[in-house]
Amino acid sequence: MPASWQLCFDDGHQQRYLPDRGAVLRYVLAIGPKAASKRFEVFTESEPVQLADGTPGGRTFSLQEVIDLSRPGETERLRAELAALAIKDSEISAREGLPSPPESHTFDLGGGPFPRRTP
């Protein structure tokens, strides 16, 4: 499972768990103008807590960044980073190629659970 990101804002009264950095940036840019506080704390999932008896005790998060939208140029910096992430993602998807189309079960010649479609 990929590491998740945690976003805390409104003086810690609100938190969201997001799948990746791009989702964090999109969320901050979308709700930032409407949020009660312009300060967002960004955490990433780190190693799980290990209890004294050696059993896992739960998830932990480490502070990665504090985004303060009241700083001059902060919104533009986030937009630029999001654009760079979008370019990087498009390059990766272009290298991997398009996914193959799903196989249709409707033209199967076997006697499966679905009736054969006739043209």
C-alpha atoms as a PDB file:
ATOM      1  CA  MET A   1       0.000   0.000   0.000  1.00  0.00           C
ATOM      2  CA  PRO A   2       1.470   3.380  -0.930  1.00  0.00           C
ATOM      3  CA  ALA A   3       2.160   5.827   1.848  1.00  0.00           C
ATOM      4  CA  SER A   4      -0.713   8.162   2.470  1.00  0.00           C
ATOM      5  CA  TRP A   5      -0.566  11.849   3.199  1.00  0.00           C
ATOM      6  CA  GLN A   6      -2.325  13.648   6.020  1.00  0.00           C
ATOM      7  CA  LEU A   7      -3.366  17.271   5.787  1.00  0.00           C
ATOM      8  CA  CYS A   8      -4.274  19.202   8.957  1.00  0.00           C
ATOM      9  CA  PHE A   9      -5.797  22.677   8.819  1.00  0.00           C
ATOM     10  CA  ASP A  10      -8.155  25.092  10.612  1.00  0.00           C
ATOM     11  CA  ASP A  11      -5.869  25.025  13.660  1.00  0.00           C
ATOM     12  CA  GLY A  12      -5.966  21.221  13.780  1.00  0.00           C
ATOM     13  CA  HIS A  13      -9.767  20.966  13.781  1.00  0.00           C
ATOM     14  CA  GLN A  14      -9.844  19.516  10.246  1.00  0.00           C
ATOM     15  CA  GLN A  15      -7.790  16.710   8.767  1.00  0.00           C
ATOM     16  CA  ARG A  16      -7.868  14.782   5.524  1.00  0.00           C
ATOM     17  CA  TYR A  17      -6.052  11.668   4.337  1.00  0.00           C
ATOM     18  CA  LEU A  18      -4.998  11.882   0.702  1.00  0.00           C
ATOM     19  CA  PRO A  19      -3.250   9.391  -1.603  1.00  0.00           C
ATOM     20  CA  ASP A  20      -0.408  11.504  -3.039  1.00  0.00           C
ATOM     21  CA  ARG A  21       1.313  14.877  -3.201  1.00  0.00           C
ATOM     22  CA  GLY A  22      -0.747  16.003  -6.193  1.00  0.00           C
ATOM     23  CA  ALA A  23      -3.981  15.379  -4.281  1.00  0.00           C
ATOM     24  CA  VAL A  24      -2.622  17.425  -1.363  1.00  0.00           C
ATOM     25  CA  LEU A  25      -1.790  20.352  -3.649  1.00  0.00           C
ATOM     26  CA  ARG A  26      -5.149  20.228  -5.433  1.00  0.00           C
ATOM     27  CA  TYR A  27      -6.995  20.107  -2.113  1.00  0.00           C
ATOM     28  CA  VAL A  28      -5.063  23.030  -0.607  1.00  0.00           C
ATOM     29  CA  LEU A  29      -5.563  25.143  -3.722  1.00  0.00           C
ATOM     30  CA  ALA A  30      -9.285  24.325  -3.811  1.00  0.00           C
ATOM     31  CA  ILE A  31     -10.196  24.951  -0.179  1.00  0.00           C
ATOM     32  CA  GLY A  32      -7.448  27.385   0.817  1.00  0.00           C
ATOM     33  CA  PRO A  33      -9.386  30.540  -0.055  1.00  0.00           C
ATOM     34  CA  LYS A  34     -12.410  29.298   1.949  1.00  0.00           C
ATOM     35  CA  ALA A  35     -10.579  27.843   4.983  1.00  0.00           C
ATOM     36  CA  ALA A  36     -10.727  29.571   8.359  1.00  0.00           C
ATOM     37  CA  SER A  37      -6.921  29.421   8.588  1.00  0.00           C
ATOM     38  CA  LYS A  38      -4.452  29.746   5.717  1.00  0.00           C
ATOM     39  CA  ARG A  39      -1.966  27.388   7.424  1.00  0.00           C
ATOM     40  CA  PHE A  40      -1.860  23.734   6.300  1.00  0.00           C
ATOM     41  CA  GLU A  41       0.370  21.103   7.905  1.00  0.00           C
ATOM     42  CA  VAL A  42       1.370  18.284   5.568  1.00  0.00           C
ATOM     43  CA  PHE A  43       2.395  14.912   7.017  1.00  0.00           C
ATOM     44  CA  THR A  44       3.487  11.674   5.342  1.00  0.00           C
ATOM     45  CA  GLU A  45       3.025   8.205   6.725  1.00  0.00           C
ATOM     46  CA  SER A  46       6.136   6.889   8.426  1.00  0.00           C
ATOM     47  CA  GLU A  47       7.103   3.607  10.076  1.00  0.00           C
ATOM     48  CA  PRO A  48       4.329   2.140  12.246  1.00  0.00           C
ATOM     49  CA  VAL A  49       4.601   2.297  16.004  1.00  0.00           C
ATOM     50  CA  GLN A  50       5.939  -0.870  17.576  1.00  0.00           C
ATOM     51  CA  LEU A  51       4.679  -1.703  21.062  1.00  0.00           C
ATOM     52  CA  ALA A  52       6.942  -3.015  23.840  1.00  0.00           C
ATOM     53  CA  ASP A  53       5.839  -6.601  23.146  1.00  0.00           C
ATOM     54  CA  GLY A  54       6.861  -6.247  19.482  1.00  0.00           C
ATOM     55  CA  THR A  55       3.366  -6.048  18.004  1.00  0.00           C
ATOM     56  CA  PRO A  56       2.437  -3.228  15.634  1.00  0.00           C
ATOM     57  CA  GLY A  57       0.652  -0.391  17.379  1.00  0.00           C
ATOM     58  CA  GLY A  58      -0.687   1.755  14.562  1.00  0.00           C
ATOM     59  CA  ARG A  59       0.156   4.316  11.918  1.00  0.00           C
ATOM     60  CA  THR A  60       2.390   7.333  12.492  1.00  0.00           C
ATOM     61  CA  PHE A  61       2.874  10.457  10.424  1.00  0.00           C
ATOM     62  CA  SER A  62       5.865  12.791  10.158  1.00  0.00           C
ATOM     63  CA  LEU A  63       5.596  16.498   9.438  1.00  0.00           C
ATOM     64  CA  GLN A  64       6.894  17.213   5.930  1.00  0.00           C
ATOM     65  CA  GLU A  65       5.898  20.790   5.291  1.00  0.00           C
ATOM     66  CA  VAL A  66       3.860  23.722   6.504  1.00  0.00           C
ATOM     67  CA  ILE A  67       2.001  25.505   3.718  1.00  0.00           C
ATOM     68  CA  ASP A  68       0.982  29.039   4.618  1.00  0.00           C
ATOM     69  CA  LEU A  69      -1.168  30.617   1.928  1.00  0.00           C
ATOM     70  CA  SER A  70      -0.788  34.027   3.534  1.00  0.00           C
ATOM     71  CA  ARG A  71       2.892  34.056   2.436  1.00  0.00           C
ATOM     72  CA  PRO A  72       3.449  36.044  -0.754  1.00  0.00           C
ATOM     73  CA  GLY A  73       3.839  33.780  -3.788  1.00  0.00           C
ATOM     74  CA  GLU A  74       2.814  30.578  -1.972  1.00  0.00           C
ATOM     75  CA  THR A  75      -0.239  29.921  -4.151  1.00  0.00           C
ATOM     76  CA  GLU A  76       1.822  30.406  -7.323  1.00  0.00           C
ATOM     77  CA  ARG A  77       4.514  28.045  -5.984  1.00  0.00           C
ATOM     78  CA  LEU A  78       1.903  25.350  -5.331  1.00  0.00           C
ATOM     79  CA  ARG A  79       0.364  25.778  -8.788  1.00  0.00           C
ATOM     80  CA  ALA A  80       3.809  25.504 -10.399  1.00  0.00           C
ATOM     81  CA  GLU A  81       4.591  22.339  -8.422  1.00  0.00           C
ATOM     82  CA  LEU A  82       1.238  20.837  -9.371  1.00  0.00           C
ATOM     83  CA  ALA A  83       1.869  21.623 -13.047  1.00  0.00           C
ATOM     84  CA  ALA A  84       5.312  19.996 -12.818  1.00  0.00           C
ATOM     85  CA  LEU A  85       3.760  16.893 -11.233  1.00  0.00           C
ATOM     86  CA  ALA A  86       1.175  16.732 -14.031  1.00  0.00           C
ATOM     87  CA  ILE A  87       3.921  16.877 -16.677  1.00  0.00           C
ATOM     88  CA  LYS A  88       5.905  14.165 -14.888  1.00  0.00           C
ATOM     89  CA  ASP A  89       2.794  11.958 -14.603  1.00  0.00           C
ATOM     90  CA  SER A  90       1.991  12.398 -18.306  1.00  0.00           C
ATOM     91  CA  GLU A  91       5.541  11.419 -19.245  1.00  0.00           C
ATOM     92  CA  ILE A  92       5.317   8.286 -17.117  1.00  0.00           C
ATOM     93  CA  SER A  93       1.950   7.275 -18.578  1.00  0.00           C
ATOM     94  CA  ALA A  94       3.220   7.888 -22.122  1.00  0.00           C
ATOM     95  CA  ARG A  95       6.193   5.599 -21.494  1.00  0.00           C
ATOM     96  CA  GLU A  96       3.990   2.879 -20.071  1.00  0.00           C
ATOM     97  CA  GLY A  97       1.628   3.098 -23.022  1.00  0.00           C
ATOM     98  CA  LEU A  98      -2.105   2.883 -23.025  1.00  0.00           C
ATOM     99  CA  PRO A  99      -3.786   0.125 -21.076  1.00  0.00           C
ATOM    100  CA  SER A 100      -5.175  -2.721 -23.118  1.00  0.00           C
ATOM    101  CA  PRO A 101      -8.926  -2.630 -23.605  1.00  0.00           C
ATOM    102  CA  PRO A 102     -10.945  -4.898 -21.329  1.00  0.00           C
ATOM    103  CA  GLU A 103     -12.044  -8.171 -22.804  1.00  0.00           C
ATOM    104  CA  SER A 104     -15.718  -8.406 -23.561  1.00  0.00           C
ATOM    105  CA  HIS A 105     -17.605 -11.343 -22.147  1.00  0.00           C
ATOM    106  CA  THR A 106     -20.539 -10.705 -24.477  1.00  0.00           C
ATOM    107  CA  PHE A 107     -18.932 -12.355 -27.524  1.00  0.00           C
ATOM    108  CA  ASP A 108     -17.619 -15.397 -25.705  1.00  0.00           C
ATOM    109  CA  LEU A 109     -18.295 -18.641 -27.526  1.00  0.00           C
ATOM    110  CA  GLY A 110     -18.368 -20.675 -24.321  1.00  0.00           C
ATOM    111  CA  GLY A 111     -21.429 -21.372 -22.240  1.00  0.00           C
ATOM    112  CA  GLY A 112     -20.562 -18.987 -19.378  1.00  0.00           C
ATOM    113  CA  PRO A 113     -23.020 -17.302 -17.041  1.00  0.00           C
ATOM    114  CA  PHE A 114     -23.845 -14.591 -19.578  1.00  0.00           C
ATOM    115  CA  PRO A 115     -25.983 -15.216 -22.670  1.00  0.00           C
ATOM    116  CA  ARG A 116     -24.295 -14.768 -25.998  1.00  0.00           C
ATOM    117  CA  ARG A 117     -25.171 -11.518 -27.724  1.00  0.00           C
ATOM    118  CA  THR A 118     -26.340 -11.881 -31.298  1.00  0.00           C
ATOM    119  CA  PRO A 119     -25.842  -9.064 -33.795  1.00  0.00           C
END
